[in-house]
Amino acid sequence: MSLTRISWLVTVGVCLIGVLLLLLSGYVGYAGVTFAVACSAAINLR
C-alpha cells in the first residue's frame, strides 16, 4: 500500500470521525460540509 493511499485513508477516517462529533454536538451544517470533504477525499482512493 502506497503512502499516498494511506494518507487519503487517514483523511477520510478523520473526516468521518469529525462528522460524528459534529452531529453529536448539533452542528448539522458543518457535519454536512465535513462529510462532503470526506467524500471528495474518498474519490482519490480509487
Foldseek 3Di string as FASTA:
>chain_A
DDPLLVVLVVLLVVLVVVLVVCVVVPNNVVSVVSNVVSVVSVVVND
